């Protein structure tokens, strides 16, 4: 019996399903989006089954609950499928059939998901921490903007020391009473978010203790708890990547060559090399931030490598990216062997 390719267009309420065998749609159905209904549908199909859905908020939940019921479960990158979807009419039923056809022909790009609940909870705590930090920066910017309208700068120690803050607010009371009332509201929001940041960080630290490699990574120059936990949570496993180049690409440090057309003599243009644009921003920020910290610290193999590159004529940005790739490669090797950091690894 031919392999059944099951395309699913998933919504929170209903899922549109299309089953393709031998290049023909043999079954169409529309069922509620719940685990029991979907499992019954899959179990009723005979033979080898490959199910494909697009990445979204429900993708991880469906993957963890349905992957034992099929021979292969594919979560596709929707950006690659967009051109096919926009060609002609668009309905949920057509999208499901298009997914099945794309999977059969091998034209979908898979998105990785884990089945480990512990790693999933760690990733959620890391995501929560970054979200709360982003909100704290937003509150800080609001406070600074309110003061800037009056040509005032927030006193440096007022962010952490409430006594300094209270004294500074009393000094402003006589001159700008309206500003004080607005600042009082902003300070409440800032203090609330900072308490959330502390809670989220403690939860992230607690869950990180379950994975020794996160502690080993913190021995590297430029790597602390947040960067180590972020890299572990988003990469999930060292065995996802066959080569270091694929890891660099995923983290935003891989190089891409672009060339097109010919020159005046009819020879192919040499093209140019640049970084990939569509990458995980949190991963890239963690690696590049760690590389920059290691360079600034000095006295380590990464900063020494940076100095050599600069003296050799490499631009500062390219040198930073090279150090970032070196740092990432060392972390990858430590992860695969579960070994501690040694400068000899560099």
Protein backbone atom coordinates (compact mmCIF):
# COMPACT_ATOMS: atom_id res chain seq x y z
CA UNK A 1 0.00 0.00 0.00
CA UNK A 2 1.29 3.47 -0.92
CA UNK A 3 2.29 5.91 1.79
CA UNK A 4 -0.52 8.17 2.99
CA UNK A 5 0.50 11.85 3.20
CA UNK A 6 -1.87 13.60 5.59
CA UNK A 7 -2.00 17.37 5.26
CA UNK A 8 -3.69 19.18 8.16
CA UNK A 9 -4.76 22.83 8.26
CA UNK A 10 -5.12 23.39 12.00
CA UNK A 11 -7.36 25.90 13.77
CA UNK A 12 -8.20 26.14 17.46
CA UNK A 13 -11.68 24.73 16.82
CA UNK A 14 -11.51 22.56 13.69
CA UNK A 15 -8.84 20.80 11.63
CA UNK A 16 -9.16 20.33 7.86
CA UNK A 17 -7.55 17.06 6.73
CA UNK A 18 -6.57 15.83 3.28
CA UNK A 19 -5.05 12.37 2.70
CA UNK A 20 -3.05 11.85 -0.48
CA UNK A 21 -2.02 8.46 -1.85
CA UNK A 22 -0.26 7.96 -5.16
CA UNK A 23 -0.65 11.64 -6.06
CA UNK A 24 -4.44 11.58 -5.55
CA UNK A 25 -6.55 12.95 -2.67
CA UNK A 26 -8.38 9.87 -1.36
CA UNK A 27 -9.88 11.21 1.89
CA UNK A 28 -11.06 14.63 3.04
CA UNK A 29 -12.43 15.33 6.49
CA UNK A 30 -13.05 18.16 8.94
CA UNK A 31 -12.88 17.22 12.60
CA UNK A 32 -12.56 19.01 15.97
CA UNK A 33 -9.05 20.00 17.01
CA UNK A 34 -8.66 17.68 19.97
CA UNK A 35 -6.26 14.82 20.56
CA UNK A 36 -8.88 12.08 20.78
CA UNK A 37 -10.57 12.91 17.45
CA UNK A 38 -7.28 13.26 15.62
CA UNK A 39 -5.92 9.99 17.04
CA UNK A 40 -9.05 8.13 15.96
CA UNK A 41 -8.73 9.54 12.44
CA UNK A 42 -5.08 8.51 12.18
CA UNK A 43 -5.65 5.05 13.64
CA UNK A 44 -8.38 4.35 11.05
CA UNK A 45 -5.90 4.87 8.20
CA UNK A 46 -3.94 1.81 7.20
CA UNK A 47 -0.40 1.50 5.91
CA UNK A 48 2.49 3.91 6.33
CA UNK A 49 1.42 7.42 7.39
CA UNK A 50 3.20 10.78 7.18
CA UNK A 51 1.41 13.73 8.74
CA UNK A 52 2.36 17.35 8.02
CA UNK A 53 1.19 20.56 9.67
CA UNK A 54 2.58 24.09 9.66
CA UNK A 55 4.49 25.68 12.51
CA UNK A 56 2.18 27.59 14.87
CA UNK A 57 1.02 27.89 18.46
CA UNK A 58 -0.60 24.42 18.35
CA UNK A 59 2.25 22.65 16.54
CA UNK A 60 4.24 21.52 19.59
CA UNK A 61 1.16 20.27 21.43
CA UNK A 62 -0.02 18.25 18.42
CA UNK A 63 3.47 16.87 17.77
CA UNK A 64 3.88 15.57 21.31
CA UNK A 65 0.46 13.91 21.30
CA UNK A 66 0.21 12.56 17.74
CA UNK A 67 3.72 11.57 16.62
CA UNK A 68 3.41 7.99 18.06
CA UNK A 69 0.37 7.42 15.82
CA UNK A 70 2.16 8.07 12.52
CA UNK A 71 5.41 6.87 10.96
CA UNK A 72 6.61 10.43 10.50
CA UNK A 73 5.30 13.74 11.80
CA UNK A 74 6.47 16.85 9.93
CA UNK A 75 6.11 20.43 11.15
CA UNK A 76 6.70 22.65 8.12
CA UNK A 77 8.10 26.17 7.92
CA UNK A 78 5.17 28.27 6.56
CA UNK A 79 7.46 30.82 4.90
CA UNK A 80 8.57 28.29 2.28
CA UNK A 81 4.96 27.26 1.53
CA UNK A 82 3.60 30.78 1.05
CA UNK A 83 4.09 31.00 -2.71
CA UNK A 84 2.20 27.75 -3.28
CA UNK A 85 -0.69 28.87 -1.06
CA UNK A 86 -1.01 32.23 -2.81
CA UNK A 87 -1.23 30.62 -6.27
CA UNK A 88 -4.96 30.45 -7.00
CA UNK A 89 -7.87 30.03 -4.62
CA UNK A 90 -7.19 29.69 -0.92
CA UNK A 91 -9.30 27.67 1.52
CA UNK A 92 -8.48 25.42 4.46
CA UNK A 93 -9.25 22.34 2.38
CA UNK A 94 -6.92 23.47 -0.44
CA UNK A 95 -4.19 24.34 2.07
CA UNK A 96 -4.39 20.87 3.62
CA UNK A 97 -4.12 19.22 0.18
CA UNK A 98 -1.20 21.49 -0.75
CA UNK A 99 0.63 20.52 2.45
CA UNK A 100 0.22 16.82 1.67
CA UNK A 101 1.51 17.33 -1.89
CA UNK A 102 4.49 19.39 -0.73
CA UNK A 103 5.43 16.77 1.86
CA UNK A 104 5.19 13.93 -0.69
CA UNK A 105 7.49 15.79 -3.09
CA UNK A 106 9.98 16.66 -0.33
CA UNK A 107 9.55 20.44 -0.60
CA UNK A 108 8.77 21.25 3.03
CA UNK A 109 11.33 22.54 5.50
CA UNK A 110 10.89 20.89 8.88
CA UNK A 111 10.74 22.86 12.15
CA UNK A 112 12.24 21.05 15.13
CA UNK A 113 10.11 20.26 18.22
CA UNK A 114 11.01 18.29 21.34
CA UNK A 115 9.07 15.59 23.14
CA UNK A 116 10.90 16.20 26.45
CA UNK A 117 8.52 17.98 28.85
CA UNK A 118 11.41 19.08 31.09
CA UNK A 119 13.21 20.85 28.25
CA UNK A 120 9.93 22.36 27.13
CA UNK A 121 9.31 23.84 30.59
CA UNK A 122 12.86 25.23 30.65
CA UNK A 123 12.29 26.88 27.29
CA UNK A 124 9.05 28.42 28.52
CA UNK A 125 10.81 29.84 31.57
CA UNK A 126 13.55 31.29 29.31
CA UNK A 127 10.93 32.82 27.01
CA UNK A 128 9.10 34.29 30.02
CA UNK A 129 12.33 35.81 31.36
CA UNK A 130 13.16 37.50 28.05
CA UNK A 131 9.59 38.77 27.74
CA UNK A 132 9.68 40.33 31.22
CA UNK A 133 13.10 41.91 30.55
CA UNK A 134 11.70 43.41 27.35
CA UNK A 135 8.76 44.83 29.31
CA UNK A 136 11.15 46.25 31.94
CA UNK A 137 13.08 48.08 29.20
CA UNK A 138 9.77 49.44 27.93
CA UNK A 139 8.91 50.79 31.39
CA UNK A 140 12.37 52.37 31.71
CA UNK A 141 11.98 54.08 28.34
CA UNK A 142 8.58 55.48 29.40
CA UNK A 143 10.05 56.92 32.60
CA UNK A 144 12.96 58.49 30.76
CA UNK A 145 10.70 59.92 28.05
CA UNK A 146 8.38 61.52 30.64
CA UNK A 147 11.36 63.20 32.32
CA UNK A 148 12.98 64.21 29.04
CA UNK A 149 9.95 66.39 28.21
CA UNK A 150 11.05 68.65 31.08
CA UNK A 151 14.78 68.41 30.38
CA UNK A 152 15.30 66.11 33.38
CA UNK A 153 17.35 62.93 33.64
CA UNK A 154 16.36 60.13 36.00
CA UNK A 155 18.87 59.93 38.83
CA UNK A 156 21.04 56.86 38.24
CA UNK A 157 20.59 55.16 41.62
CA UNK A 158 16.82 55.76 41.60
CA UNK A 159 16.29 52.57 39.59
CA UNK A 160 17.44 50.26 42.39
CA UNK A 161 17.48 52.37 45.56
CA UNK A 162 13.99 53.46 46.61
CA UNK A 163 15.37 55.92 49.19
CA UNK A 164 17.30 57.78 46.49
CA UNK A 165 14.18 57.69 44.34
CA UNK A 166 11.99 59.17 47.07
CA UNK A 167 14.48 61.96 47.75
CA UNK A 168 14.75 62.76 44.03
CA UNK A 169 10.95 62.85 43.70
CA UNK A 170 10.68 65.28 46.65
CA UNK A 171 13.17 67.60 44.98
CA UNK A 172 11.03 67.64 41.83
CA UNK A 173 7.72 68.09 43.68
CA UNK A 174 7.88 71.88 43.90
CA UNK A 175 8.86 72.47 40.28
CA UNK A 176 6.83 69.80 38.42
CA UNK A 177 3.87 68.48 40.45
CA UNK A 178 2.10 67.15 37.33
CA UNK A 179 5.18 65.19 36.30
CA UNK A 180 5.47 63.67 39.78
CA UNK A 181 1.95 62.24 39.61
CA UNK A 182 2.69 60.60 36.25
CA UNK A 183 6.04 59.28 37.47
CA UNK A 184 4.39 57.67 40.49
CA UNK A 185 2.23 55.60 38.13
CA UNK A 186 5.24 54.64 35.99
CA UNK A 187 7.28 53.64 39.05
CA UNK A 188 4.52 51.24 40.14
CA UNK A 189 4.67 49.53 36.73
CA UNK A 190 8.48 49.44 36.77
CA UNK A 191 8.68 47.90 40.26
CA UNK A 192 6.05 45.28 39.36
CA UNK A 193 7.91 44.22 36.21
CA UNK A 194 11.27 44.05 38.00
CA UNK A 195 9.79 41.71 40.60
CA UNK A 196 8.52 39.54 37.73
CA UNK A 197 12.01 39.54 36.17
CA UNK A 198 13.49 38.25 39.44
CA UNK A 199 10.89 35.50 39.72
CA UNK A 200 11.37 34.44 36.10
CA UNK A 201 15.16 34.37 36.50
CA UNK A 202 14.97 32.24 39.66
CA UNK A 203 12.66 29.77 37.89
CA UNK A 204 15.03 29.64 34.90
CA UNK A 205 18.00 29.04 37.24
CA UNK A 206 16.14 26.28 39.09
CA UNK A 207 15.27 24.38 35.93
CA UNK A 208 18.77 24.89 34.48
CA UNK A 209 20.28 22.86 37.32
CA UNK A 210 18.78 19.71 35.78
CA UNK A 211 21.19 20.00 32.82
CA UNK A 212 24.94 19.97 33.72
CA UNK A 213 26.02 21.34 30.33
CA UNK A 214 24.44 24.71 31.18
CA UNK A 215 26.78 24.94 34.16
CA UNK A 216 29.78 23.84 32.05
CA UNK A 217 29.06 26.56 29.49
CA UNK A 218 29.19 29.22 32.19
CA UNK A 219 32.90 28.45 32.59
CA UNK A 220 33.47 29.97 29.14
CA UNK A 221 34.44 33.67 28.95
CA UNK A 222 31.40 35.82 28.15
CA UNK A 223 28.82 33.15 29.08
CA UNK A 224 26.55 33.52 32.09
CA UNK A 225 23.36 31.84 33.23
CA UNK A 226 21.00 33.71 30.89
CA UNK A 227 23.05 33.14 27.74
CA UNK A 228 23.78 29.51 28.58
CA UNK A 229 20.12 28.73 29.35
CA UNK A 230 18.93 30.60 26.24
CA UNK A 231 21.25 28.65 23.94
CA UNK A 232 20.33 25.33 25.53
CA UNK A 233 16.59 26.02 25.48
CA UNK A 234 16.42 27.09 21.83
CA UNK A 235 18.92 24.57 20.43
CA UNK A 236 17.54 21.71 22.61
CA UNK A 237 19.99 19.04 21.45
CA UNK A 238 23.46 19.01 19.90
CA UNK A 239 22.50 16.24 17.48
CA UNK A 240 20.12 18.41 15.45
CA UNK A 241 23.02 19.70 13.36
CA UNK A 242 25.17 17.51 11.11
CA UNK A 243 27.89 20.13 10.68
CA UNK A 244 29.11 23.24 12.47
CA UNK A 245 28.11 25.29 9.42
CA UNK A 246 24.47 24.32 9.89
CA UNK A 247 24.68 25.34 13.55
CA UNK A 248 26.23 28.70 12.62
CA UNK A 249 23.49 29.29 10.08
CA UNK A 250 20.73 28.54 12.58
CA UNK A 251 22.26 30.96 15.10
CA UNK A 252 22.62 33.77 12.56
CA UNK A 253 26.40 33.51 12.06
CA UNK A 254 26.49 31.34 8.93
CA UNK A 255 27.59 32.86 5.64
CA UNK A 256 25.52 32.90 2.47
CA UNK A 257 26.95 33.52 -1.00
CA UNK A 258 24.80 35.47 -3.46
CA UNK A 259 25.74 35.73 -7.15
CA UNK A 260 23.72 36.41 -10.28
CA UNK A 261 24.35 37.41 -13.88
CA UNK A 262 27.60 38.07 -15.75
CA UNK A 263 30.06 40.95 -16.06
CA UNK A 264 30.87 42.92 -19.23
CA UNK A 265 33.08 40.09 -20.52
CA UNK A 266 30.34 37.51 -20.08
CA UNK A 267 31.97 35.86 -17.07
CA UNK A 268 29.85 34.84 -14.05
CA UNK A 269 29.92 37.49 -11.35
CA UNK A 270 31.81 36.60 -8.20
CA UNK A 271 28.92 37.67 -5.99
CA UNK A 272 29.22 38.59 -2.33
CA UNK A 273 29.06 36.86 1.04
CA UNK A 274 26.72 37.97 3.81
CA UNK A 275 25.02 36.66 6.94
CA UNK A 276 21.64 34.96 6.83
CA UNK A 277 18.80 37.31 7.67
CA UNK A 278 15.99 34.95 8.73
CA UNK A 279 17.39 33.59 11.98
CA UNK A 280 16.45 33.21 15.64
CA UNK A 281 17.22 36.67 17.05
CA UNK A 282 17.55 35.54 20.66
CA UNK A 283 20.15 32.94 19.70
CA UNK A 284 22.12 35.40 17.63
CA UNK A 285 22.03 38.01 20.40
CA UNK A 286 23.22 35.43 22.96
CA UNK A 287 26.18 34.24 20.87
CA UNK A 288 27.26 37.66 19.63
CA UNK A 289 26.84 39.15 23.12
CA UNK A 290 29.01 36.39 24.57
CA UNK A 291 31.68 36.91 21.89
CA UNK A 292 31.73 40.66 22.55
CA UNK A 293 32.01 40.10 26.32
CA UNK A 294 34.86 37.62 25.83
CA UNK A 295 36.69 40.11 23.61
CA UNK A 296 36.28 42.91 26.15
CA UNK A 297 37.42 40.72 29.04
CA UNK A 298 40.72 39.90 27.35
CA UNK A 299 43.21 37.32 28.52
CA UNK A 300 41.43 34.39 26.86
CA UNK A 301 41.81 32.48 23.55
CA UNK A 302 38.80 34.23 22.00
CA UNK A 303 40.09 37.75 22.62
CA UNK A 304 43.53 36.65 21.41
CA UNK A 305 41.94 35.35 18.21
CA UNK A 306 40.13 38.67 17.74
CA UNK A 307 43.40 40.64 18.09
CA UNK A 308 45.10 38.41 15.49
CA UNK A 309 42.23 38.93 13.04
CA UNK A 310 42.24 42.71 13.47
CA UNK A 311 46.00 42.90 12.98
CA UNK A 312 45.58 40.82 9.83
CA UNK A 313 43.25 43.41 8.33
CA UNK A 314 39.87 41.83 9.10
CA UNK A 315 37.09 44.33 9.76
CA UNK A 316 35.81 44.56 13.34
CA UNK A 317 32.38 43.16 12.47
CA UNK A 318 33.81 40.17 10.57
CA UNK A 319 36.26 39.53 13.41
CA UNK A 320 33.42 39.52 15.95
CA UNK A 321 31.43 37.09 13.82
CA UNK A 322 34.46 34.81 13.47
CA UNK A 323 34.97 34.79 17.24
CA UNK A 324 31.25 34.08 17.68
CA UNK A 325 31.51 31.07 15.36
CA UNK A 326 34.56 29.81 17.25
CA UNK A 327 32.76 30.20 20.58
CA UNK A 328 29.70 28.39 19.25
CA UNK A 329 31.82 25.53 17.90
CA UNK A 330 33.53 25.05 21.28
CA UNK A 331 30.14 24.99 23.04
CA UNK A 332 28.85 22.47 20.49
CA UNK A 333 31.82 20.19 21.09
CA UNK A 334 31.42 20.43 24.88
CA UNK A 335 27.75 19.57 24.51
CA UNK A 336 28.32 16.47 22.39
CA UNK A 337 30.99 15.13 24.75
CA UNK A 338 29.46 16.51 27.99
CA UNK A 339 32.89 17.87 28.92
CA UNK A 340 33.99 20.95 30.84
CA UNK A 341 35.69 23.96 29.28
CA UNK A 342 39.44 24.00 28.66
CA UNK A 343 41.32 26.70 26.69
CA UNK A 344 42.94 23.87 24.72
CA UNK A 345 39.55 23.23 23.08
CA UNK A 346 39.85 26.59 21.31
